[in-house]
Amino acid sequence: MLIQSRITGLILPTLLSTLHLGFRSSGHEVIRGACHRARHGAWLPGQDWESLLDQPLHRVREILKVGEPQAYTPVYAR
């Protein structure tokens, strides 16, 4: 959401979490992947979501050009 909305209040938490996790962690890779999909995908707040509800998820991802999210390995075990 940070990349698409340009809400500056989201920059600090994103940066701090990236620094806390380390730039080589799986959490950082997930953040980088999400930023890449946000930059290259459709403008999500402007979508007619009700018309997309009856579509299969893989089709919605194709339409919005967001691709498949990468698998996430939890950084912290509970």
PDB file of N, CA and C in Angstrom:
ATOM      1  N   MET A   1       0.823  -1.199   0.000  1.00  0.00           N
ATOM      2  CA  MET A   1       0.000   0.000   0.000  1.00  0.00           C
ATOM      3  C   MET A   1       0.861   1.254   0.000  1.00  0.00           C
ATOM      4  N   LEU A   2       2.015   1.199   0.607  1.00  0.00           N
ATOM      5  CA  LEU A   2       2.907   2.354   0.672  1.00  0.00           C
ATOM      6  C   LEU A   2       3.291   2.825  -0.733  1.00  0.00           C
ATOM      7  N   ILE A   3       3.659   1.913  -1.590  1.00  0.00           N
ATOM      8  CA  ILE A   3       4.127   2.275  -2.930  1.00  0.00           C
ATOM      9  C   ILE A   3       3.001   2.902  -3.740  1.00  0.00           C
ATOM     10  N   GLN A   4       1.812   2.352  -3.667  1.00  0.00           N
ATOM     11  CA  GLN A   4       0.719   2.865  -4.475  1.00  0.00           C
ATOM     12  C   GLN A   4       0.093   4.124  -3.893  1.00  0.00           C
ATOM     13  N   SER A   5      -0.008   4.225  -2.586  1.00  0.00           N
ATOM     14  CA  SER A   5      -0.730   5.349  -1.991  1.00  0.00           C
ATOM     15  C   SER A   5       0.139   6.566  -1.727  1.00  0.00           C
ATOM     16  N   ARG A   6       1.441   6.352  -1.599  1.00  0.00           N
ATOM     17  CA  ARG A   6       2.391   7.420  -1.278  1.00  0.00           C
ATOM     18  C   ARG A   6       2.080   8.069   0.071  1.00  0.00           C
ATOM     19  N   ILE A   7       1.472   7.295   0.968  1.00  0.00           N
ATOM     20  CA  ILE A   7       1.196   7.796   2.311  1.00  0.00           C
ATOM     21  C   ILE A   7       2.518   7.778   3.072  1.00  0.00           C
ATOM     22  N   THR A   8       3.037   8.947   3.353  1.00  0.00           N
ATOM     23  CA  THR A   8       4.360   9.035   3.953  1.00  0.00           C
ATOM     24  C   THR A   8       4.414   8.470   5.366  1.00  0.00           C
ATOM     25  N   GLY A   9       3.284   8.364   6.025  1.00  0.00           N
ATOM     26  CA  GLY A   9       3.257   7.796   7.363  1.00  0.00           C
ATOM     27  C   GLY A   9       3.602   6.310   7.379  1.00  0.00           C
ATOM     28  N   LEU A  10       3.571   5.668   6.231  1.00  0.00           N
ATOM     29  CA  LEU A  10       3.913   4.248   6.155  1.00  0.00           C
ATOM     30  C   LEU A  10       5.390   4.006   5.861  1.00  0.00           C
ATOM     31  N   ILE A  11       6.123   5.062   5.528  1.00  0.00           N
ATOM     32  CA  ILE A  11       7.534   4.891   5.187  1.00  0.00           C
ATOM     33  C   ILE A  11       8.344   4.451   6.396  1.00  0.00           C
ATOM     34  N   LEU A  12       8.178   5.120   7.524  1.00  0.00           N
ATOM     35  CA  LEU A  12       8.972   4.813   8.704  1.00  0.00           C
ATOM     36  C   LEU A  12       8.754   3.384   9.210  1.00  0.00           C
ATOM     37  N   PRO A  13       7.509   2.913   9.393  1.00  0.00           N
ATOM     38  CA  PRO A  13       7.342   1.526   9.857  1.00  0.00           C
ATOM     39  C   PRO A  13       7.924   0.504   8.871  1.00  0.00           C
ATOM     40  N   THR A  14       7.775   0.757   7.582  1.00  0.00           N
ATOM     41  CA  THR A  14       8.327  -0.165   6.585  1.00  0.00           C
ATOM     42  C   THR A  14       9.843  -0.180   6.650  1.00  0.00           C
ATOM     43  N   LEU A  15      10.446   0.986   6.733  1.00  0.00           N
ATOM     44  CA  LEU A  15      11.901   1.076   6.813  1.00  0.00           C
ATOM     45  C   LEU A  15      12.422   0.434   8.098  1.00  0.00           C
ATOM     46  N   LEU A  16      11.777   0.723   9.216  1.00  0.00           N
ATOM     47  CA  LEU A  16      12.223   0.149  10.485  1.00  0.00           C
ATOM     48  C   LEU A  16      12.088  -1.370  10.515  1.00  0.00           C
ATOM     49  N   SER A  17      11.008  -1.889   9.956  1.00  0.00           N
ATOM     50  CA  SER A  17      10.863  -3.344   9.938  1.00  0.00           C
ATOM     51  C   SER A  17      11.906  -3.980   9.040  1.00  0.00           C
ATOM     52  N   THR A  18      12.230  -3.324   7.929  1.00  0.00           N
ATOM     53  CA  THR A  18      13.261  -3.846   7.039  1.00  0.00           C
ATOM     54  C   THR A  18      14.613  -3.834   7.735  1.00  0.00           C
ATOM     55  N   LEU A  19      14.928  -2.760   8.439  1.00  0.00           N
ATOM     56  CA  LEU A  19      16.196  -2.679   9.156  1.00  0.00           C
ATOM     57  C   LEU A  19      16.249  -3.703  10.292  1.00  0.00           C
ATOM     58  N   HIS A  20      15.137  -3.872  10.991  1.00  0.00           N
ATOM     59  CA  HIS A  20      15.073  -4.813  12.104  1.00  0.00           C
ATOM     60  C   HIS A  20      15.251  -6.252  11.614  1.00  0.00           C
ATOM     61  N   LEU A  21      14.619  -6.583  10.486  1.00  0.00           N
ATOM     62  CA  LEU A  21      14.695  -7.947   9.960  1.00  0.00           C
ATOM     63  C   LEU A  21      16.046  -8.234   9.316  1.00  0.00           C
ATOM     64  N   GLY A  22      16.690  -7.208   8.859  1.00  0.00           N
ATOM     65  CA  GLY A  22      17.946  -7.416   8.139  1.00  0.00           C
ATOM     66  C   GLY A  22      17.680  -7.503   6.650  1.00  0.00           C
ATOM     67  N   PHE A  23      18.610  -7.022   5.871  1.00  0.00           N
ATOM     68  CA  PHE A  23      18.392  -6.957   4.429  1.00  0.00           C
ATOM     69  C   PHE A  23      18.536  -8.309   3.740  1.00  0.00           C
ATOM     70  N   ARG A  24      18.981  -9.316   4.440  1.00  0.00           N
ATOM     71  CA  ARG A  24      19.139 -10.637   3.828  1.00  0.00           C
ATOM     72  C   ARG A  24      18.115 -11.649   4.348  1.00  0.00           C
ATOM     73  N   SER A  25      17.174 -11.206   5.130  1.00  0.00           N
ATOM     74  CA  SER A  25      16.192 -12.131   5.696  1.00  0.00           C
ATOM     75  C   SER A  25      15.067 -12.404   4.705  1.00  0.00           C
ATOM     76  N   SER A  26      14.299 -13.450   4.984  1.00  0.00           N
ATOM     77  CA  SER A  26      13.156 -13.769   4.129  1.00  0.00           C
ATOM     78  C   SER A  26      12.085 -12.680   4.235  1.00  0.00           C
ATOM     79  N   GLY A  27      11.978 -12.034   5.411  1.00  0.00           N
ATOM     80  CA  GLY A  27      11.010 -10.947   5.570  1.00  0.00           C
ATOM     81  C   GLY A  27      11.314  -9.781   4.656  1.00  0.00           C
ATOM     82  N   HIS A  28      12.588  -9.472   4.511  1.00  0.00           N
ATOM     83  CA  HIS A  28      12.988  -8.391   3.607  1.00  0.00           C
ATOM     84  C   HIS A  28      12.652  -8.744   2.163  1.00  0.00           C
ATOM     85  N   GLU A  29      12.861  -9.986   1.780  1.00  0.00           N
ATOM     86  CA  GLU A  29      12.532 -10.409   0.414  1.00  0.00           C
ATOM     87  C   GLU A  29      11.033 -10.293   0.142  1.00  0.00           C
ATOM     88  N   VAL A  30      10.223 -10.591   1.143  1.00  0.00           N
ATOM     89  CA  VAL A  30       8.771 -10.468   0.992  1.00  0.00           C
ATOM     90  C   VAL A  30       8.401  -9.000   0.786  1.00  0.00           C
ATOM     91  N   ILE A  31       9.006  -8.109   1.559  1.00  0.00           N
ATOM     92  CA  ILE A  31       8.737  -6.670   1.413  1.00  0.00           C
ATOM     93  C   ILE A  31       9.166  -6.185   0.035  1.00  0.00           C
ATOM     94  N   ARG A  32      10.352  -6.590  -0.411  1.00  0.00           N
ATOM     95  CA  ARG A  32      10.831  -6.191  -1.748  1.00  0.00           C
ATOM     96  C   ARG A  32       9.906  -6.701  -2.845  1.00  0.00           C
ATOM     97  N   GLY A  33       9.456  -7.956  -2.708  1.00  0.00           N
ATOM     98  CA  GLY A  33       8.545  -8.526  -3.699  1.00  0.00           C
ATOM     99  C   GLY A  33       7.215  -7.784  -3.741  1.00  0.00           C
ATOM    100  N   ALA A  34       6.707  -7.425  -2.567  1.00  0.00           N
ATOM    101  CA  ALA A  34       5.444  -6.677  -2.496  1.00  0.00           C
ATOM    102  C   ALA A  34       5.599  -5.299  -3.135  1.00  0.00           C
ATOM    103  N   CYS A  35       6.723  -4.652  -2.905  1.00  0.00           N
ATOM    104  CA  CYS A  35       6.972  -3.332  -3.510  1.00  0.00           C
ATOM    105  C   CYS A  35       7.042  -3.444  -5.023  1.00  0.00           C
ATOM    106  N   HIS A  36       7.687  -4.489  -5.511  1.00  0.00           N
ATOM    107  CA  HIS A  36       7.794  -4.688  -6.961  1.00  0.00           C
ATOM    108  C   HIS A  36       6.405  -4.905  -7.575  1.00  0.00           C
ATOM    109  N   ARG A  37       5.589  -5.765  -6.947  1.00  0.00           N
ATOM    110  CA  ARG A  37       4.248  -6.013  -7.478  1.00  0.00           C
ATOM    111  C   ARG A  37       3.387  -4.748  -7.428  1.00  0.00           C
ATOM    112  N   ALA A  38       3.562  -3.930  -6.386  1.00  0.00           N
ATOM    113  CA  ALA A  38       2.789  -2.684  -6.272  1.00  0.00           C
ATOM    114  C   ALA A  38       3.171  -1.689  -7.360  1.00  0.00           C
ATOM    115  N   ARG A  39       4.458  -1.620  -7.669  1.00  0.00           N
ATOM    116  CA  ARG A  39       4.911  -0.686  -8.714  1.00  0.00           C
ATOM    117  C   ARG A  39       4.413  -1.080 -10.098  1.00  0.00           C
ATOM    118  N   HIS A  40       4.377  -2.376 -10.367  1.00  0.00           N
ATOM    119  CA  HIS A  40       4.067  -2.844 -11.711  1.00  0.00           C
ATOM    120  C   HIS A  40       2.617  -3.278 -11.887  1.00  0.00           C
ATOM    121  N   GLY A  41       1.856  -3.300 -10.807  1.00  0.00           N
ATOM    122  CA  GLY A  41       0.469  -3.727 -10.886  1.00  0.00           C
ATOM    123  C   GLY A  41      -0.485  -2.571 -11.128  1.00  0.00           C
ATOM    124  N   ALA A  42      -1.745  -2.916 -11.215  1.00  0.00           N
ATOM    125  CA  ALA A  42      -2.798  -1.914 -11.412  1.00  0.00           C
ATOM    126  C   ALA A  42      -2.996  -1.097 -10.132  1.00  0.00           C
ATOM    127  N   TRP A  43      -3.619   0.055 -10.271  1.00  0.00           N
ATOM    128  CA  TRP A  43      -3.940   0.924  -9.138  1.00  0.00           C
ATOM    129  C   TRP A  43      -5.059   0.254  -8.349  1.00  0.00           C
ATOM    130  N   LEU A  44      -4.734  -0.379  -7.222  1.00  0.00           N
ATOM    131  CA  LEU A  44      -5.698  -1.200  -6.489  1.00  0.00           C
ATOM    132  C   LEU A  44      -6.860  -0.418  -5.881  1.00  0.00           C
ATOM    133  N   PRO A  45      -6.651   0.774  -5.298  1.00  0.00           N
ATOM    134  CA  PRO A  45      -7.802   1.492  -4.744  1.00  0.00           C
ATOM    135  C   PRO A  45      -8.842   1.890  -5.794  1.00  0.00           C
ATOM    136  N   GLY A  46      -8.448   1.955  -7.042  1.00  0.00           N
ATOM    137  CA  GLY A  46      -9.375   2.383  -8.078  1.00  0.00           C
ATOM    138  C   GLY A  46     -10.129   1.257  -8.755  1.00  0.00           C
ATOM    139  N   GLN A  47      -9.998   0.043  -8.263  1.00  0.00           N
ATOM    140  CA  GLN A  47     -10.640  -1.103  -8.909  1.00  0.00           C
ATOM    141  C   GLN A  47     -12.093  -1.257  -8.494  1.00  0.00           C
ATOM    142  N   ASP A  48     -12.878  -1.828  -9.400  1.00  0.00           N
ATOM    143  CA  ASP A  48     -14.267  -2.175  -9.101  1.00  0.00           C
ATOM    144  C   ASP A  48     -14.255  -3.582  -8.504  1.00  0.00           C
ATOM    145  N   TRP A  49     -14.026  -3.662  -7.211  1.00  0.00           N
ATOM    146  CA  TRP A  49     -13.823  -4.940  -6.541  1.00  0.00           C
ATOM    147  C   TRP A  49     -15.059  -5.823  -6.592  1.00  0.00           C
ATOM    148  N   GLU A  50     -16.233  -5.245  -6.590  1.00  0.00           N
ATOM    149  CA  GLU A  50     -17.453  -6.055  -6.627  1.00  0.00           C
ATOM    150  C   GLU A  50     -17.538  -6.853  -7.923  1.00  0.00           C
ATOM    151  N   SER A  51     -17.081  -6.286  -9.015  1.00  0.00           N
ATOM    152  CA  SER A  51     -17.122  -7.018 -10.286  1.00  0.00           C
ATOM    153  C   SER A  51     -16.062  -8.110 -10.353  1.00  0.00           C
ATOM    154  N   LEU A  52     -15.042  -8.013  -9.509  1.00  0.00           N
ATOM    155  CA  LEU A  52     -13.976  -9.020  -9.512  1.00  0.00           C
ATOM    156  C   LEU A  52     -14.249 -10.175  -8.553  1.00  0.00           C
ATOM    157  N   LEU A  53     -15.263 -10.038  -7.691  1.00  0.00           N
ATOM    158  CA  LEU A  53     -15.513 -11.054  -6.673  1.00  0.00           C
ATOM    159  C   LEU A  53     -15.874 -12.416  -7.243  1.00  0.00           C
ATOM    160  N   ASP A  54     -16.522 -12.459  -8.389  1.00  0.00           N
ATOM    161  CA  ASP A  54     -16.927 -13.751  -8.944  1.00  0.00           C
ATOM    162  C   ASP A  54     -15.827 -14.405  -9.788  1.00  0.00           C
ATOM    163  N   GLN A  55     -14.695 -13.743  -9.927  1.00  0.00           N
ATOM    164  CA  GLN A  55     -13.569 -14.277 -10.698  1.00  0.00           C
ATOM    165  C   GLN A  55     -12.689 -15.163  -9.817  1.00  0.00           C
ATOM    166  N   PRO A  56     -12.058 -16.177 -10.405  1.00  0.00           N
ATOM    167  CA  PRO A  56     -11.077 -16.953  -9.635  1.00  0.00           C
ATOM    168  C   PRO A  56      -9.887 -16.066  -9.268  1.00  0.00           C
ATOM    169  N   LEU A  57      -9.247 -16.375  -8.160  1.00  0.00           N
ATOM    170  CA  LEU A  57      -8.154 -15.543  -7.660  1.00  0.00           C
ATOM    171  C   LEU A  57      -7.023 -15.409  -8.671  1.00  0.00           C
ATOM    172  N   HIS A  58      -6.647 -16.495  -9.345  1.00  0.00           N
ATOM    173  CA  HIS A  58      -5.554 -16.396 -10.321  1.00  0.00           C
ATOM    174  C   HIS A  58      -5.912 -15.450 -11.463  1.00  0.00           C
ATOM    175  N   ARG A  59      -7.182 -15.407 -11.840  1.00  0.00           N
ATOM    176  CA  ARG A  59      -7.629 -14.497 -12.904  1.00  0.00           C
ATOM    177  C   ARG A  59      -7.578 -13.042 -12.439  1.00  0.00           C
ATOM    178  N   VAL A  60      -7.990 -12.782 -11.200  1.00  0.00           N
ATOM    179  CA  VAL A  60      -7.933 -11.426 -10.648  1.00  0.00           C
ATOM    180  C   VAL A  60      -6.481 -10.953 -10.604  1.00  0.00           C
ATOM    181  N   ARG A  61      -5.579 -11.832 -10.205  1.00  0.00           N
ATOM    182  CA  ARG A  61      -4.154 -11.470 -10.189  1.00  0.00           C
ATOM    183  C   ARG A  61      -3.648 -11.134 -11.587  1.00  0.00           C
ATOM    184  N   GLU A  62      -4.113 -11.878 -12.597  1.00  0.00           N
ATOM    185  CA  GLU A  62      -3.739 -11.571 -13.987  1.00  0.00           C
ATOM    186  C   GLU A  62      -4.274 -10.213 -14.418  1.00  0.00           C
ATOM    187  N   ILE A  63      -5.529  -9.953 -14.126  1.00  0.00           N
ATOM    188  CA  ILE A  63      -6.167  -8.696 -14.515  1.00  0.00           C
ATOM    189  C   ILE A  63      -5.451  -7.511 -13.883  1.00  0.00           C
ATOM    190  N   LEU A  64      -5.118  -7.642 -12.598  1.00  0.00           N
ATOM    191  CA  LEU A  64      -4.495  -6.539 -11.862  1.00  0.00           C
ATOM    192  C   LEU A  64      -2.974  -6.505 -12.012  1.00  0.00           C
ATOM    193  N   LYS A  65      -2.423  -7.523 -12.655  1.00  0.00           N
ATOM    194  CA  LYS A  65      -0.971  -7.613 -12.913  1.00  0.00           C
ATOM    195  C   LYS A  65      -0.154  -7.592 -11.622  1.00  0.00           C
ATOM    196  N   VAL A  66      -0.639  -8.291 -10.603  1.00  0.00           N
ATOM    197  CA  VAL A  66       0.097  -8.341  -9.345  1.00  0.00           C
ATOM    198  C   VAL A  66       0.871  -9.635  -9.165  1.00  0.00           C
ATOM    199  N   GLY A  67       0.567 -10.645  -9.925  1.00  0.00           N
ATOM    200  CA  GLY A  67       1.307 -11.895  -9.836  1.00  0.00           C
ATOM    201  C   GLY A  67       1.067 -12.646  -8.541  1.00  0.00           C
ATOM    202  N   GLU A  68       1.693 -13.790  -8.477  1.00  0.00           N
ATOM    203  CA  GLU A  68       1.584 -14.659  -7.312  1.00  0.00           C
ATOM    204  C   GLU A  68       2.535 -14.169  -6.229  1.00  0.00           C
ATOM    205  N   PRO A  69       2.060 -14.008  -4.984  1.00  0.00           N
ATOM    206  CA  PRO A  69       2.983 -13.614  -3.914  1.00  0.00           C
ATOM    207  C   PRO A  69       3.935 -14.753  -3.601  1.00  0.00           C
ATOM    208  N   GLN A  70       5.132 -14.403  -3.190  1.00  0.00           N
ATOM    209  CA  GLN A  70       6.099 -15.439  -2.853  1.00  0.00           C
ATOM    210  C   GLN A  70       5.768 -16.054  -1.501  1.00  0.00           C
ATOM    211  N   ALA A  71       6.230 -17.265  -1.299  1.00  0.00           N
ATOM    212  CA  ALA A  71       5.992 -17.954  -0.028  1.00  0.00           C
ATOM    213  C   ALA A  71       6.728 -17.213   1.089  1.00  0.00           C
ATOM    214  N   TYR A  72       6.085 -17.135   2.222  1.00  0.00           N
ATOM    215  CA  TYR A  72       6.655 -16.423   3.358  1.00  0.00           C
ATOM    216  C   TYR A  72       6.999 -17.410   4.461  1.00  0.00           C
ATOM    217  N   THR A  73       8.219 -17.371   4.912  1.00  0.00           N
ATOM    218  CA  THR A  73       8.647 -18.167   6.056  1.00  0.00           C
ATOM    219  C   THR A  73       8.662 -17.215   7.251  1.00  0.00           C
ATOM    220  N   PRO A  74       7.884 -17.508   8.286  1.00  0.00           N
ATOM    221  CA  PRO A  74       7.849 -16.599   9.444  1.00  0.00           C
ATOM    222  C   PRO A  74       9.240 -16.343  10.013  1.00  0.00           C
ATOM    223  N   VAL A  75       9.497 -15.094  10.343  1.00  0.00           N
ATOM    224  CA  VAL A  75      10.785 -14.696  10.882  1.00  0.00           C
ATOM    225  C   VAL A  75      10.873 -15.106  12.351  1.00  0.00           C
ATOM    226  N   TYR A  76       9.761 -14.963  13.059  1.00  0.00           N
ATOM    227  CA  TYR A  76       9.730 -15.302  14.471  1.00  0.00           C
ATOM    228  C   TYR A  76       8.799 -16.485  14.681  1.00  0.00           C
ATOM    229  N   ALA A  77       9.264 -17.456  15.427  1.00  0.00           N
ATOM    230  CA  ALA A  77       8.401 -18.588  15.780  1.00  0.00           C
ATOM    231  C   ALA A  77       7.596 -18.213  17.016  1.00  0.00           C
ATOM    232  N   ARG A  78       6.374 -18.667  17.085  1.00  0.00           N
ATOM    233  CA  ARG A  78       5.536 -18.365  18.257  1.00  0.00           C
ATOM    234  C   ARG A  78       5.809 -19.329  19.367  1.00  0.00           C
TER     235      ARG A  78
END
